[in-house]
Amino acid sequence: MPLEVGTTLPLRRIDFVNPDTMRVWAPILADPNPIHLDRDAVRAKGLGDRRVNQGVISAAYVMDMLQASFAEGFIVSFSSRFIDNVYEGETVEASAKVTAIEQIGIMVNITCDFVLTSIERGSVLIGNAVVSLPSSAFSTN
């Protein structure tokens, strides 16, 4: 993919935030918070009627989009801020725009601003990341 500052990366769409995934990941993440597993707990906290996706899974949607965009690269920096929760059943989209490109020896660092958007409600996670890839994998044309 040819890149320059301002390039928009290919979108990563998750059509259905699956509550079964939350249940599987809760023990792996050592996150027993009942808002990920029990709708009654969500209601008791005043967060609505749908279970809340673990934050790390929501961030992973963005990381997956970055890795798909830069298959030969690796994420060296990831800074994010949660704006809102992601809820079971939602459709979310991870998108990013290149904000800087820096050659460092045989590597190229690509800085991107990203957003995870709930189709229903708007931005839920924002931030920036740096992906490093070999110069040989980088193209400007």
Protein backbone atom coordinates (compact mmCIF):
# COMPACT_ATOMS: atom_id res chain seq x y z
CA MET A 1 0.00 0.00 0.00
CA PRO A 2 1.51 3.37 -0.98
CA LEU A 3 1.71 5.65 2.06
CA GLU A 4 2.11 9.32 2.79
CA VAL A 5 1.02 11.59 5.60
CA GLY A 6 -2.75 11.86 5.36
CA THR A 7 -3.30 8.32 4.01
CA THR A 8 -6.34 6.63 5.50
CA LEU A 9 -5.79 2.98 6.35
CA PRO A 10 -8.29 0.28 5.35
CA LEU A 11 -11.20 0.09 7.78
CA ARG A 12 -11.62 -2.87 10.15
CA ARG A 13 -15.31 -3.59 10.81
CA ILE A 14 -16.62 -5.82 13.56
CA ASP A 15 -20.24 -6.50 12.63
CA PHE A 16 -21.27 -7.98 15.97
CA VAL A 17 -19.51 -7.57 19.32
CA ASN A 18 -20.06 -11.08 20.59
CA PRO A 19 -20.81 -11.60 24.31
CA ASP A 20 -19.49 -15.17 24.04
CA THR A 21 -16.07 -13.68 23.32
CA MET A 22 -16.32 -11.61 26.52
CA ARG A 23 -17.08 -14.77 28.50
CA VAL A 24 -14.11 -16.63 26.98
CA TRP A 25 -11.68 -13.77 27.58
CA ALA A 26 -12.75 -12.87 31.14
CA PRO A 27 -10.69 -15.62 32.83
CA ILE A 28 -7.77 -15.20 30.40
CA LEU A 29 -7.62 -11.49 31.23
CA ALA A 30 -8.21 -12.18 34.94
CA ASP A 31 -11.11 -9.74 34.65
CA PRO A 32 -14.03 -11.07 36.68
CA ASN A 33 -15.96 -7.78 36.48
CA PRO A 34 -19.61 -8.88 36.17
CA ILE A 35 -20.45 -6.10 33.66
CA HIS A 36 -18.77 -8.30 31.04
CA LEU A 37 -20.85 -11.35 31.91
CA ASP A 38 -24.15 -10.42 33.52
CA ARG A 39 -26.79 -8.02 32.20
CA ASP A 40 -28.21 -7.58 35.73
CA ALA A 41 -24.82 -6.25 36.85
CA VAL A 42 -24.79 -3.84 33.91
CA ARG A 43 -28.26 -2.57 34.85
CA ALA A 44 -27.26 -2.25 38.52
CA LYS A 45 -24.37 0.02 37.50
CA GLY A 46 -26.73 2.17 35.42
CA LEU A 47 -24.97 1.25 32.18
CA GLY A 48 -28.00 0.02 30.25
CA ASP A 49 -29.09 -3.50 29.32
CA ARG A 50 -26.15 -4.86 27.31
CA ARG A 51 -22.95 -6.43 28.58
CA VAL A 52 -19.81 -4.29 28.28
CA ASN A 53 -16.92 -5.45 26.11
CA GLN A 54 -13.58 -5.63 27.92
CA GLY A 55 -11.49 -2.58 27.11
CA VAL A 56 -8.53 -4.65 25.99
CA ILE A 57 -10.70 -6.43 23.40
CA SER A 58 -11.92 -3.09 22.07
CA ALA A 59 -8.30 -1.89 21.80
CA ALA A 60 -7.40 -5.15 20.06
CA TYR A 61 -9.85 -4.32 17.26
CA VAL A 62 -7.67 -1.28 16.49
CA MET A 63 -4.46 -3.28 16.82
CA ASP A 64 -5.86 -5.87 14.41
CA MET A 65 -6.60 -3.11 11.87
CA LEU A 66 -3.04 -1.78 12.22
CA GLN A 67 -1.48 -5.24 11.82
CA ALA A 68 -3.63 -5.94 8.76
CA SER A 69 -2.47 -2.64 7.23
CA PHE A 70 1.21 -3.30 7.97
CA ALA A 71 1.61 -7.07 7.74
CA GLU A 72 5.42 -6.89 7.88
CA GLY A 73 5.44 -4.41 10.75
CA PHE A 74 4.96 -4.43 14.47
CA ILE A 75 3.31 -2.01 16.86
CA VAL A 76 5.96 -0.23 18.95
CA SER A 77 3.71 2.31 20.65
CA PHE A 78 -0.01 2.38 21.41
CA SER A 79 -1.69 5.12 23.43
CA SER A 80 -5.46 5.26 23.77
CA ARG A 81 -8.28 6.91 25.65
CA PHE A 82 -11.69 5.36 26.19
CA ILE A 83 -14.52 7.76 25.39
CA ASP A 84 -17.32 5.26 26.04
CA ASN A 85 -17.97 1.57 26.48
CA VAL A 86 -18.44 -0.92 23.65
CA TYR A 87 -21.55 -3.05 24.18
CA GLU A 88 -22.55 -6.53 23.12
CA GLY A 89 -24.29 -6.68 19.77
CA GLU A 90 -22.83 -3.42 18.50
CA THR A 91 -21.12 -2.89 15.18
CA VAL A 92 -17.81 -1.06 15.52
CA GLU A 93 -15.26 0.19 13.02
CA ALA A 94 -11.56 0.80 13.57
CA SER A 95 -10.00 3.42 11.33
CA ALA A 96 -6.72 5.34 11.23
CA LYS A 97 -4.92 8.07 9.37
CA VAL A 98 -1.15 8.35 8.90
CA THR A 99 0.18 11.45 10.68
CA ALA A 100 3.95 10.96 10.37
CA ILE A 101 6.50 8.81 8.55
CA GLU A 102 10.06 8.63 9.84
CA GLN A 103 13.01 6.68 8.46
CA ILE A 104 15.17 5.29 11.28
CA GLY A 105 18.06 3.25 9.94
CA ILE A 106 16.67 0.25 8.07
CA MET A 107 13.22 0.74 9.59
CA VAL A 108 10.35 3.13 8.89
CA ASN A 109 8.11 4.28 11.72
CA ILE A 110 4.54 5.10 10.73
CA THR A 111 2.55 7.17 13.23
CA CYS A 112 -1.23 6.94 13.01
CA ASP A 113 -4.13 8.59 14.79
CA PHE A 114 -6.92 6.07 15.24
CA VAL A 115 -10.53 5.87 16.32
CA LEU A 116 -12.86 3.01 17.18
CA THR A 117 -16.39 4.04 16.32
CA SER A 118 -19.68 2.53 17.40
CA ILE A 119 -21.98 2.75 14.41
CA GLU A 120 -24.84 3.43 16.86
CA ARG A 121 -23.16 6.02 19.08
CA GLY A 122 -19.95 7.46 17.62
CA SER A 123 -16.35 7.43 18.87
CA VAL A 124 -15.64 5.08 21.77
CA LEU A 125 -11.81 4.85 21.69
CA ILE A 126 -9.26 7.31 20.31
CA GLY A 127 -5.51 7.45 20.28
CA ASN A 128 -2.33 7.07 18.33
CA ALA A 129 0.09 4.30 17.53
CA VAL A 130 3.47 3.84 15.92
CA VAL A 131 4.06 0.88 13.65
CA SER A 132 7.63 0.03 12.63
CA LEU A 133 8.38 -1.87 9.44
CA PRO A 134 11.45 -2.66 7.37
CA SER A 135 12.29 -0.06 4.75
CA SER A 136 12.05 -2.81 2.15
CA ALA A 137 8.33 -3.19 2.98
CA PHE A 138 7.60 0.53 2.74
CA SER A 139 6.32 2.12 -0.45
CA THR A 140 5.45 5.70 -1.33
CA ASN A 141 4.14 4.85 -4.83
